[in-house]
Amino acid sequence: MRKHLLILAVCNFLLLTVGCKTYNSPIQKGAKPELISNEFEFTEGPASDREGNVYFTDQPNNQILKWDAKTNSISVYMKDSGRSNGMYFDDNENLWTCADENFQLWKITPEKKVSVILDGYKSKNFNGPNDLWIDEKGGIYFTDPYYQRDYWNRTSPDMEKRSVYYLSPDHKTVKSVAEGFVLPNGIIGSSKNHILYVSDISNEDIHTYKIEDDGTLSNKRLFANMGSDGMTLDSEGNLYVTGNGVTIFDKKGNKIDHIEINKNWTGNVTFGGANEDILFITASDAVYTLKMKTHGIRWNH
């Protein structure tokens, strides 16, 4: 009897520590990814507005689309979108985009007025801004890998380095704040915890950095031996990593769940919905939603 109880205790311990789907997963119990549409070519860059609507890109078709959180419907928000990739809303409801067509960073006002904020660094073209995150001060971090595009005239980069840049809150100064990457791609941060996550997708690693008061980065640390396209964070500090579906890590870097997506590639992910508790997933030609127990941290619902 004592041996049986010992075995039961060990099993319960293993369930608590290993059986993450039962005890630690942030996914709503019984929830499955819901296909919203698969009528696109390649979806990317989801960004939620204050009402929980999610804007995303169909980059090959050069358009930004909008998922309405109330009606669960999708409409075209903007055509001729500069081949926008990663996107993020600032506190004034301007939509910032990595406009890959001409290696630029755009700001799109609520009235859909487009301003080119950055189009190069030290008299050279960017490699092609890919993903971005905006801190609480309005400063913007963005990754600048190099992916040769069939719509470019150039066939090689102007810069040797592939870096992470920081645009000051007044949008007047840009500086390189992290280097040494093969292909820096996904980026996300927490202003509350002063942490920035950066994925080097070709190196198959994700590092964290401490965000200093002046926007510079320090204390680089390996977070996970897995590359990622887009990434997001939830209210528990869990990091969502994309590529083969969505892999979820807790704040200590432990893998706690994996969301299977029946597509060749999952490009990006964010939280949307009125309560910011809907995980919005862009994957190849499709977009999905998934009900969560946690919520996003962009709007602090």
C-alpha atoms as a PDB file:
ATOM      1  CA  MET A   1       0.000   0.000   0.000  1.00  0.00           C
ATOM      2  CA  ARG A   2       2.810   2.388   0.925  1.00  0.00           C
ATOM      3  CA  LYS A   3       4.554   1.604  -2.385  1.00  0.00           C
ATOM      4  CA  HIS A   4       1.304   2.276  -4.272  1.00  0.00           C
ATOM      5  CA  LEU A   5       0.887   5.635  -2.537  1.00  0.00           C
ATOM      6  CA  LEU A   6       4.490   6.558  -3.342  1.00  0.00           C
ATOM      7  CA  ILE A   7       3.970   5.737  -7.008  1.00  0.00           C
ATOM      8  CA  LEU A   8       0.737   7.787  -7.035  1.00  0.00           C
ATOM      9  CA  ALA A   9       2.515  10.741  -5.450  1.00  0.00           C
ATOM     10  CA  VAL A  10       5.283  10.587  -8.048  1.00  0.00           C
ATOM     11  CA  CYS A  11       2.710  10.417 -10.862  1.00  0.00           C
ATOM     12  CA  ASN A  12       0.857  13.438  -9.494  1.00  0.00           C
ATOM     13  CA  PHE A  13       4.138  15.359  -9.280  1.00  0.00           C
ATOM     14  CA  LEU A  14       4.944  14.511 -12.886  1.00  0.00           C
ATOM     15  CA  LEU A  15       1.500  15.624 -14.008  1.00  0.00           C
ATOM     16  CA  LEU A  16       1.931  18.947 -12.252  1.00  0.00           C
ATOM     17  CA  THR A  17       5.400  19.579 -13.624  1.00  0.00           C
ATOM     18  CA  VAL A  18       5.294  17.888 -17.028  1.00  0.00           C
ATOM     19  CA  GLY A  19       1.645  17.666 -17.935  1.00  0.00           C
ATOM     20  CA  CYS A  20       1.519  21.265 -19.034  1.00  0.00           C
ATOM     21  CA  LYS A  21      -1.634  20.932 -21.106  1.00  0.00           C
ATOM     22  CA  THR A  22      -3.562  20.045 -17.952  1.00  0.00           C
ATOM     23  CA  TYR A  23      -2.077  22.445 -15.434  1.00  0.00           C
ATOM     24  CA  ASN A  24       0.032  25.178 -17.037  1.00  0.00           C
ATOM     25  CA  SER A  25      -1.320  25.784 -20.506  1.00  0.00           C
ATOM     26  CA  PRO A  26      -2.744  29.272 -21.123  1.00  0.00           C
ATOM     27  CA  ILE A  27      -5.161  27.841 -23.698  1.00  0.00           C
ATOM     28  CA  GLN A  28      -8.834  27.737 -22.724  1.00  0.00           C
ATOM     29  CA  LYS A  29      -9.770  24.154 -21.880  1.00  0.00           C
ATOM     30  CA  GLY A  30     -11.157  22.380 -24.936  1.00  0.00           C
ATOM     31  CA  ALA A  31     -10.421  25.284 -27.279  1.00  0.00           C
ATOM     32  CA  LYS A  32      -9.088  24.560 -30.765  1.00  0.00           C
ATOM     33  CA  PRO A  33      -7.771  26.934 -33.450  1.00  0.00           C
ATOM     34  CA  GLU A  34     -10.687  28.236 -35.516  1.00  0.00           C
ATOM     35  CA  LEU A  35     -10.049  28.908 -39.187  1.00  0.00           C
ATOM     36  CA  ILE A  36     -11.364  32.355 -40.090  1.00  0.00           C
ATOM     37  CA  SER A  37     -10.225  32.453 -43.711  1.00  0.00           C
ATOM     38  CA  ASN A  38      -7.727  30.798 -46.055  1.00  0.00           C
ATOM     39  CA  GLU A  39      -8.229  33.059 -49.052  1.00  0.00           C
ATOM     40  CA  PHE A  40      -4.841  34.783 -48.940  1.00  0.00           C
ATOM     41  CA  GLU A  41      -1.361  34.124 -50.277  1.00  0.00           C
ATOM     42  CA  PHE A  42       0.854  34.703 -47.228  1.00  0.00           C
ATOM     43  CA  THR A  43      -0.394  36.341 -44.037  1.00  0.00           C
ATOM     44  CA  GLU A  44       1.817  38.239 -41.599  1.00  0.00           C
ATOM     45  CA  GLY A  45       2.163  41.151 -39.191  1.00  0.00           C
ATOM     46  CA  PRO A  46      -0.963  40.997 -36.963  1.00  0.00           C
ATOM     47  CA  ALA A  47      -1.512  44.052 -34.744  1.00  0.00           C
ATOM     48  CA  SER A  48      -4.491  44.744 -32.489  1.00  0.00           C
ATOM     49  CA  ASP A  49      -6.104  48.135 -32.016  1.00  0.00           C
ATOM     50  CA  ARG A  50      -7.623  49.401 -28.776  1.00  0.00           C
ATOM     51  CA  GLU A  51     -11.004  47.795 -29.565  1.00  0.00           C
ATOM     52  CA  GLY A  52      -9.442  44.388 -30.166  1.00  0.00           C
ATOM     53  CA  ASN A  53      -9.697  44.384 -33.950  1.00  0.00           C
ATOM     54  CA  VAL A  54      -6.648  42.836 -35.609  1.00  0.00           C
ATOM     55  CA  TYR A  55      -4.951  44.211 -38.701  1.00  0.00           C
ATOM     56  CA  PHE A  56      -2.727  41.856 -40.696  1.00  0.00           C
ATOM     57  CA  THR A  57      -0.928  41.786 -44.008  1.00  0.00           C
ATOM     58  CA  ASP A  58      -1.125  39.665 -47.118  1.00  0.00           C
ATOM     59  CA  GLN A  59       2.322  40.682 -48.285  1.00  0.00           C
ATOM     60  CA  PRO A  60       2.451  39.064 -51.757  1.00  0.00           C
ATOM     61  CA  ASN A  61      -0.843  40.808 -52.587  1.00  0.00           C
ATOM     62  CA  ASN A  62       0.450  44.079 -51.098  1.00  0.00           C
ATOM     63  CA  GLN A  63      -2.497  44.736 -48.805  1.00  0.00           C
ATOM     64  CA  ILE A  64      -3.452  45.211 -45.163  1.00  0.00           C
ATOM     65  CA  LEU A  65      -6.629  43.555 -43.945  1.00  0.00           C
ATOM     66  CA  LYS A  66      -8.763  44.003 -40.849  1.00  0.00           C
ATOM     67  CA  TRP A  67     -10.402  41.332 -38.712  1.00  0.00           C
ATOM     68  CA  ASP A  68     -13.435  42.786 -36.936  1.00  0.00           C
ATOM     69  CA  ALA A  69     -13.539  41.337 -33.416  1.00  0.00           C
ATOM     70  CA  LYS A  70     -17.287  41.930 -33.044  1.00  0.00           C
ATOM     71  CA  THR A  71     -18.467  40.412 -36.316  1.00  0.00           C
ATOM     72  CA  ASN A  72     -15.631  37.905 -36.856  1.00  0.00           C
ATOM     73  CA  SER A  73     -15.354  39.189 -40.419  1.00  0.00           C
ATOM     74  CA  ILE A  74     -12.444  40.359 -42.570  1.00  0.00           C
ATOM     75  CA  SER A  75     -12.268  43.388 -44.861  1.00  0.00           C
ATOM     76  CA  VAL A  76      -9.551  45.131 -46.863  1.00  0.00           C
ATOM     77  CA  TYR A  77      -8.110  48.059 -44.923  1.00  0.00           C
ATOM     78  CA  MET A  78      -5.479  49.297 -47.382  1.00  0.00           C
ATOM     79  CA  LYS A  79      -4.175  48.299 -50.783  1.00  0.00           C
ATOM     80  CA  ASP A  80      -0.753  49.405 -52.045  1.00  0.00           C
ATOM     81  CA  SER A  81       0.576  48.970 -48.532  1.00  0.00           C
ATOM     82  CA  GLY A  82       4.288  49.101 -49.319  1.00  0.00           C
ATOM     83  CA  ARG A  83       4.533  45.311 -48.991  1.00  0.00           C
ATOM     84  CA  SER A  84       4.049  45.803 -45.269  1.00  0.00           C
ATOM     85  CA  ASN A  85       5.192  42.991 -43.021  1.00  0.00           C
ATOM     86  CA  GLY A  86       5.350  43.425 -39.230  1.00  0.00           C
ATOM     87  CA  MET A  87       2.999  46.047 -37.731  1.00  0.00           C
ATOM     88  CA  TYR A  88       2.151  47.624 -34.362  1.00  0.00           C
ATOM     89  CA  PHE A  89      -0.234  50.313 -33.072  1.00  0.00           C
ATOM     90  CA  ASP A  90       1.000  53.232 -30.998  1.00  0.00           C
ATOM     91  CA  ASP A  91      -1.018  54.893 -28.233  1.00  0.00           C
ATOM     92  CA  ASN A  92      -2.475  57.415 -30.688  1.00  0.00           C
ATOM     93  CA  GLU A  93      -3.912  54.656 -32.898  1.00  0.00           C
ATOM     94  CA  ASN A  94      -1.350  55.160 -35.637  1.00  0.00           C
ATOM     95  CA  LEU A  95      -0.439  51.910 -37.338  1.00  0.00           C
ATOM     96  CA  TRP A  96       3.321  51.495 -37.805  1.00  0.00           C
ATOM     97  CA  THR A  97       4.484  49.089 -40.485  1.00  0.00           C
ATOM     98  CA  CYS A  98       7.697  47.595 -41.787  1.00  0.00           C
ATOM     99  CA  ALA A  99       7.184  48.570 -45.421  1.00  0.00           C
ATOM    100  CA  ASP A 100       9.463  46.127 -47.156  1.00  0.00           C
ATOM    101  CA  GLU A 101       8.928  47.279 -50.741  1.00  0.00           C
ATOM    102  CA  ASN A 102      11.355  50.200 -50.438  1.00  0.00           C
ATOM    103  CA  PHE A 103      13.045  49.207 -47.137  1.00  0.00           C
ATOM    104  CA  GLN A 104      11.092  51.764 -45.094  1.00  0.00           C
ATOM    105  CA  LEU A 105       9.300  52.302 -41.810  1.00  0.00           C
ATOM    106  CA  TRP A 106       5.807  53.765 -42.248  1.00  0.00           C
ATOM    107  CA  LYS A 107       3.293  55.473 -39.991  1.00  0.00           C
ATOM    108  CA  ILE A 108      -0.362  55.204 -41.049  1.00  0.00           C
ATOM    109  CA  THR A 109      -2.784  57.546 -39.263  1.00  0.00           C
ATOM    110  CA  PRO A 110      -6.371  56.565 -38.400  1.00  0.00           C
ATOM    111  CA  GLU A 111      -7.352  58.561 -41.503  1.00  0.00           C
ATOM    112  CA  LYS A 112      -5.006  56.312 -43.554  1.00  0.00           C
ATOM    113  CA  LYS A 113      -2.475  59.033 -44.261  1.00  0.00           C
ATOM    114  CA  VAL A 114       0.909  57.409 -44.892  1.00  0.00           C
ATOM    115  CA  SER A 115       4.183  58.989 -43.756  1.00  0.00           C
ATOM    116  CA  VAL A 116       7.594  57.496 -44.482  1.00  0.00           C
ATOM    117  CA  ILE A 117       9.410  57.921 -41.175  1.00  0.00           C
ATOM    118  CA  LEU A 118      12.624  56.047 -42.007  1.00  0.00           C
ATOM    119  CA  ASP A 119      14.106  55.003 -45.329  1.00  0.00           C
ATOM    120  CA  GLY A 120      17.731  54.293 -44.451  1.00  0.00           C
ATOM    121  CA  TYR A 121      20.577  54.476 -41.952  1.00  0.00           C
ATOM    122  CA  LYS A 122      23.834  56.397 -42.396  1.00  0.00           C
ATOM    123  CA  SER A 123      23.083  57.055 -46.081  1.00  0.00           C
ATOM    124  CA  LYS A 124      22.451  53.387 -46.839  1.00  0.00           C
ATOM    125  CA  ASN A 125      19.229  51.527 -47.498  1.00  0.00           C
ATOM    126  CA  PHE A 126      17.962  49.243 -44.763  1.00  0.00           C
ATOM    127  CA  ASN A 127      18.107  45.532 -45.523  1.00  0.00           C
ATOM    128  CA  GLY A 128      14.336  45.395 -45.204  1.00  0.00           C
ATOM    129  CA  PRO A 129      12.625  46.161 -41.862  1.00  0.00           C
ATOM    130  CA  ASN A 130      10.739  43.034 -40.810  1.00  0.00           C
ATOM    131  CA  ASP A 131       9.121  43.319 -37.390  1.00  0.00           C
ATOM    132  CA  LEU A 132       8.715  46.001 -34.730  1.00  0.00           C
ATOM    133  CA  TRP A 133       7.631  46.737 -31.180  1.00  0.00           C
ATOM    134  CA  ILE A 134       6.800  50.088 -29.537  1.00  0.00           C
ATOM    135  CA  ASP A 135       7.785  50.787 -25.930  1.00  0.00           C
ATOM    136  CA  GLU A 136       5.807  52.810 -23.368  1.00  0.00           C
ATOM    137  CA  LYS A 137       7.631  56.007 -24.334  1.00  0.00           C
ATOM    138  CA  GLY A 138       6.786  55.658 -28.010  1.00  0.00           C
ATOM    139  CA  GLY A 139      10.252  54.504 -29.029  1.00  0.00           C
ATOM    140  CA  ILE A 140      10.324  51.831 -31.724  1.00  0.00           C
ATOM    141  CA  TYR A 141      12.532  48.750 -31.915  1.00  0.00           C
ATOM    142  CA  PHE A 142      12.676  46.974 -35.264  1.00  0.00           C
ATOM    143  CA  THR A 143      14.581  44.126 -36.853  1.00  0.00           C
ATOM    144  CA  ASP A 144      16.373  44.476 -40.175  1.00  0.00           C
ATOM    145  CA  PRO A 145      17.284  41.099 -41.727  1.00  0.00           C
ATOM    146  CA  TYR A 146      17.816  40.564 -45.435  1.00  0.00           C
ATOM    147  CA  TYR A 147      15.372  38.434 -47.409  1.00  0.00           C
ATOM    148  CA  GLN A 148      15.828  38.774 -51.151  1.00  0.00           C
ATOM    149  CA  ARG A 149      12.460  39.756 -52.643  1.00  0.00           C
ATOM    150  CA  ASP A 150      11.374  39.117 -56.204  1.00  0.00           C
ATOM    151  CA  TYR A 151       9.939  42.665 -56.373  1.00  0.00           C
ATOM    152  CA  TRP A 152      13.322  44.297 -55.633  1.00  0.00           C
ATOM    153  CA  ASN A 153      15.728  45.544 -58.292  1.00  0.00           C
ATOM    154  CA  ARG A 154      18.702  44.995 -55.988  1.00  0.00           C
ATOM    155  CA  THR A 155      20.205  41.546 -55.469  1.00  0.00           C
ATOM    156  CA  SER A 156      22.466  42.251 -52.485  1.00  0.00           C
ATOM    157  CA  PRO A 157      22.262  44.347 -49.305  1.00  0.00           C
ATOM    158  CA  ASP A 158      23.742  47.821 -48.916  1.00  0.00           C
ATOM    159  CA  MET A 159      24.766  47.003 -45.341  1.00  0.00           C
ATOM    160  CA  GLU A 160      27.009  44.248 -44.039  1.00  0.00           C
ATOM    161  CA  LYS A 161      25.311  44.008 -40.649  1.00  0.00           C
ATOM    162  CA  ARG A 162      21.821  42.777 -39.859  1.00  0.00           C
ATOM    163  CA  SER A 163      20.789  44.628 -36.761  1.00  0.00           C
ATOM    164  CA  VAL A 164      18.076  45.707 -34.359  1.00  0.00           C
ATOM    165  CA  TYR A 165      17.440  49.458 -34.415  1.00  0.00           C
ATOM    166  CA  TYR A 166      15.776  51.883 -32.012  1.00  0.00           C
ATOM    167  CA  LEU A 167      13.884  54.945 -33.181  1.00  0.00           C
ATOM    168  CA  SER A 168      13.650  57.561 -30.424  1.00  0.00           C
ATOM    169  CA  PRO A 169      10.207  58.541 -29.084  1.00  0.00           C
ATOM    170  CA  ASP A 170      10.405  61.906 -30.899  1.00  0.00           C
ATOM    171  CA  HIS A 171      11.179  59.957 -34.107  1.00  0.00           C
ATOM    172  CA  LYS A 172      14.234  62.125 -34.805  1.00  0.00           C
ATOM    173  CA  THR A 173      17.059  59.733 -33.980  1.00  0.00           C
ATOM    174  CA  VAL A 174      17.673  56.125 -34.984  1.00  0.00           C
ATOM    175  CA  LYS A 175      20.525  53.974 -33.720  1.00  0.00           C
ATOM    176  CA  SER A 176      21.679  50.385 -33.915  1.00  0.00           C
ATOM    177  CA  VAL A 177      21.187  48.789 -30.489  1.00  0.00           C
ATOM    178  CA  ALA A 178      21.956  45.114 -31.153  1.00  0.00           C
ATOM    179  CA  GLU A 179      24.152  43.408 -33.747  1.00  0.00           C
ATOM    180  CA  GLY A 180      25.756  40.041 -34.466  1.00  0.00           C
ATOM    181  CA  PHE A 181      22.687  38.362 -35.954  1.00  0.00           C
ATOM    182  CA  VAL A 182      22.341  36.082 -38.950  1.00  0.00           C
ATOM    183  CA  LEU A 183      18.681  36.972 -39.567  1.00  0.00           C
ATOM    184  CA  PRO A 184      17.008  38.962 -36.759  1.00  0.00           C
ATOM    185  CA  ASN A 185      13.291  38.491 -37.238  1.00  0.00           C
ATOM    186  CA  GLY A 186      10.610  38.358 -34.540  1.00  0.00           C
ATOM    187  CA  ILE A 187      10.698  41.005 -31.817  1.00  0.00           C
ATOM    188  CA  ILE A 188       8.489  41.742 -28.820  1.00  0.00           C
ATOM    189  CA  GLY A 189       8.969  43.452 -25.489  1.00  0.00           C
ATOM    190  CA  SER A 190       7.572  44.163 -22.057  1.00  0.00           C
ATOM    191  CA  SER A 191       7.814  47.765 -20.862  1.00  0.00           C
ATOM    192  CA  LYS A 192       6.732  46.658 -17.391  1.00  0.00           C
ATOM    193  CA  ASN A 193       9.619  44.216 -17.054  1.00  0.00           C
ATOM    194  CA  HIS A 194      12.066  46.180 -19.242  1.00  0.00           C
ATOM    195  CA  ILE A 195      12.759  43.107 -21.384  1.00  0.00           C
ATOM    196  CA  LEU A 196      13.109  42.813 -25.152  1.00  0.00           C
ATOM    197  CA  TYR A 197      12.958  39.450 -26.930  1.00  0.00           C
ATOM    198  CA  VAL A 198      14.685  39.069 -30.296  1.00  0.00           C
ATOM    199  CA  SER A 199      14.668  35.980 -32.494  1.00  0.00           C
ATOM    200  CA  ASP A 200      17.567  35.112 -34.770  1.00  0.00           C
ATOM    201  CA  ILE A 201      15.610  32.751 -36.962  1.00  0.00           C
ATOM    202  CA  SER A 202      18.550  31.276 -38.919  1.00  0.00           C
ATOM    203  CA  ASN A 203      20.602  30.795 -35.761  1.00  0.00           C
ATOM    204  CA  GLU A 204      17.594  29.091 -34.128  1.00  0.00           C
ATOM    205  CA  ASP A 205      17.754  31.085 -30.921  1.00  0.00           C
ATOM    206  CA  ILE A 206      15.866  33.728 -28.997  1.00  0.00           C
ATOM    207  CA  HIS A 207      17.694  36.144 -26.710  1.00  0.00           C
ATOM    208  CA  THR A 208      16.452  38.586 -24.105  1.00  0.00           C
ATOM    209  CA  TYR A 209      17.890  42.039 -23.477  1.00  0.00           C
ATOM    210  CA  LYS A 210      17.444  44.483 -20.636  1.00  0.00           C
ATOM    211  CA  ILE A 211      15.938  47.748 -21.892  1.00  0.00           C
ATOM    212  CA  GLU A 212      17.811  50.740 -20.499  1.00  0.00           C
ATOM    213  CA  ASP A 213      16.244  54.168 -19.896  1.00  0.00           C
ATOM    214  CA  ASP A 214      17.799  55.617 -23.047  1.00  0.00           C
ATOM    215  CA  GLY A 215      16.538  52.768 -25.229  1.00  0.00           C
ATOM    216  CA  THR A 216      19.851  50.953 -25.455  1.00  0.00           C
ATOM    217  CA  LEU A 217      20.039  47.243 -24.696  1.00  0.00           C
ATOM    218  CA  SER A 218      22.216  45.335 -22.229  1.00  0.00           C
ATOM    219  CA  ASN A 219      22.541  41.989 -20.456  1.00  0.00           C
ATOM    220  CA  LYS A 220      21.994  39.738 -23.486  1.00  0.00           C
ATOM    221  CA  ARG A 221      20.862  36.258 -22.440  1.00  0.00           C
ATOM    222  CA  LEU A 222      19.816  33.123 -24.290  1.00  0.00           C
ATOM    223  CA  PHE A 223      16.128  32.449 -23.697  1.00  0.00           C
ATOM    224  CA  ALA A 224      15.412  29.470 -25.976  1.00  0.00           C
ATOM    225  CA  ASN A 225      17.157  27.363 -28.604  1.00  0.00           C
ATOM    226  CA  MET A 226      14.426  27.953 -31.142  1.00  0.00           C
ATOM    227  CA  GLY A 227      14.111  30.506 -33.908  1.00  0.00           C
ATOM    228  CA  SER A 228      10.883  32.346 -34.506  1.00  0.00           C
ATOM    229  CA  ASP A 229       9.143  34.458 -37.092  1.00  0.00           C
ATOM    230  CA  GLY A 230       6.728  36.732 -35.190  1.00  0.00           C
ATOM    231  CA  MET A 231       6.285  36.572 -31.399  1.00  0.00           C
ATOM    232  CA  THR A 232       3.983  37.865 -28.676  1.00  0.00           C
ATOM    233  CA  LEU A 233       3.664  37.892 -24.877  1.00  0.00           C
ATOM    234  CA  ASP A 234       0.718  37.300 -22.562  1.00  0.00           C
ATOM    235  CA  SER A 235      -0.243  38.564 -19.096  1.00  0.00           C
ATOM    236  CA  GLU A 236       1.593  35.686 -17.385  1.00  0.00           C
ATOM    237  CA  GLY A 237       4.855  36.447 -19.139  1.00  0.00           C
ATOM    238  CA  ASN A 238       4.532  33.511 -21.531  1.00  0.00           C
ATOM    239  CA  LEU A 239       6.263  33.914 -24.892  1.00  0.00           C
ATOM    240  CA  TYR A 240       4.559  32.677 -28.081  1.00  0.00           C
ATOM    241  CA  VAL A 241       6.950  31.530 -30.809  1.00  0.00           C
ATOM    242  CA  THR A 242       5.983  30.798 -34.422  1.00  0.00           C
ATOM    243  CA  GLY A 243       7.203  28.669 -37.306  1.00  0.00           C
ATOM    244  CA  ASN A 244       5.981  25.110 -36.811  1.00  0.00           C
ATOM    245  CA  GLY A 245       2.625  26.086 -35.377  1.00  0.00           C
ATOM    246  CA  VAL A 246       2.892  28.102 -32.150  1.00  0.00           C
ATOM    247  CA  THR A 247       5.175  27.041 -29.298  1.00  0.00           C
ATOM    248  CA  ILE A 248       4.554  28.561 -25.871  1.00  0.00           C
ATOM    249  CA  PHE A 249       7.328  29.131 -23.331  1.00  0.00           C
ATOM    250  CA  ASP A 250       6.843  30.325 -19.773  1.00  0.00           C
ATOM    251  CA  LYS A 251       8.830  33.306 -18.512  1.00  0.00           C
ATOM    252  CA  LYS A 252      11.670  31.032 -17.401  1.00  0.00           C
ATOM    253  CA  GLY A 253      12.099  29.558 -20.861  1.00  0.00           C
ATOM    254  CA  ASN A 254      10.339  26.252 -20.213  1.00  0.00           C
ATOM    255  CA  LYS A 255       8.209  24.898 -23.047  1.00  0.00           C
ATOM    256  CA  ILE A 256       4.650  24.565 -21.742  1.00  0.00           C
ATOM    257  CA  ASP A 257       2.522  23.901 -24.823  1.00  0.00           C
ATOM    258  CA  HIS A 258       2.398  23.686 -28.596  1.00  0.00           C
ATOM    259  CA  ILE A 259      -0.477  24.713 -30.863  1.00  0.00           C
ATOM    260  CA  GLU A 260      -0.721  22.574 -33.974  1.00  0.00           C
ATOM    261  CA  ILE A 261      -1.593  24.499 -37.124  1.00  0.00           C
ATOM    262  CA  ASN A 262      -2.208  22.515 -40.285  1.00  0.00           C
ATOM    263  CA  LYS A 263      -0.116  24.774 -42.509  1.00  0.00           C
ATOM    264  CA  ASN A 264       3.447  24.686 -43.793  1.00  0.00           C
ATOM    265  CA  TRP A 265       4.409  27.818 -41.885  1.00  0.00           C
ATOM    266  CA  THR A 266       2.993  29.905 -39.057  1.00  0.00           C
ATOM    267  CA  GLY A 267       4.261  33.438 -39.564  1.00  0.00           C
ATOM    268  CA  ASN A 268       3.033  35.517 -36.657  1.00  0.00           C
ATOM    269  CA  VAL A 269       0.721  35.837 -33.678  1.00  0.00           C
ATOM    270  CA  THR A 270      -0.876  38.465 -31.426  1.00  0.00           C
ATOM    271  CA  PHE A 271      -3.726  38.912 -28.962  1.00  0.00           C
ATOM    272  CA  GLY A 272      -7.010  40.527 -29.989  1.00  0.00           C
ATOM    273  CA  GLY A 273     -10.680  40.592 -29.103  1.00  0.00           C
ATOM    274  CA  ALA A 274     -12.567  42.949 -26.804  1.00  0.00           C
ATOM    275  CA  ASN A 275     -10.861  41.445 -23.741  1.00  0.00           C
ATOM    276  CA  GLU A 276      -7.573  40.776 -25.530  1.00  0.00           C
ATOM    277  CA  ASP A 277      -7.990  37.064 -24.809  1.00  0.00           C
ATOM    278  CA  ILE A 278      -8.181  35.791 -28.389  1.00  0.00           C
ATOM    279  CA  LEU A 279      -4.943  34.533 -29.886  1.00  0.00           C
ATOM    280  CA  PHE A 280      -4.858  35.614 -33.529  1.00  0.00           C
ATOM    281  CA  ILE A 281      -2.599  33.451 -35.694  1.00  0.00           C
ATOM    282  CA  THR A 282      -1.366  34.119 -39.225  1.00  0.00           C
ATOM    283  CA  ALA A 283      -0.268  30.955 -41.033  1.00  0.00           C
ATOM    284  CA  SER A 284       0.628  30.723 -44.727  1.00  0.00           C
ATOM    285  CA  ASP A 285      -2.592  31.498 -46.666  1.00  0.00           C
ATOM    286  CA  ALA A 286      -4.822  31.573 -43.578  1.00  0.00           C
ATOM    287  CA  VAL A 287      -5.694  33.228 -40.276  1.00  0.00           C
ATOM    288  CA  TYR A 288      -6.989  31.510 -37.117  1.00  0.00           C
ATOM    289  CA  THR A 289      -8.280  32.480 -33.684  1.00  0.00           C
ATOM    290  CA  LEU A 290      -7.974  30.595 -30.412  1.00  0.00           C
ATOM    291  CA  LYS A 291      -9.632  31.288 -27.059  1.00  0.00           C
ATOM    292  CA  MET A 292      -7.150  31.774 -24.215  1.00  0.00           C
ATOM    293  CA  LYS A 293      -7.204  31.845 -20.412  1.00  0.00           C
ATOM    294  CA  THR A 294      -4.614  34.603 -20.374  1.00  0.00           C
ATOM    295  CA  HIS A 295      -4.694  37.875 -22.278  1.00  0.00           C
ATOM    296  CA  GLY A 296      -2.334  40.144 -24.156  1.00  0.00           C
ATOM    297  CA  ILE A 297      -0.484  43.072 -22.611  1.00  0.00           C
ATOM    298  CA  ARG A 298      -0.716  45.708 -25.347  1.00  0.00           C
ATOM    299  CA  TRP A 299      -3.858  47.427 -24.085  1.00  0.00           C
ATOM    300  CA  ASN A 300      -4.057  46.026 -20.530  1.00  0.00           C
ATOM    301  CA  HIS A 301      -7.729  45.037 -20.705  1.00  0.00           C
END
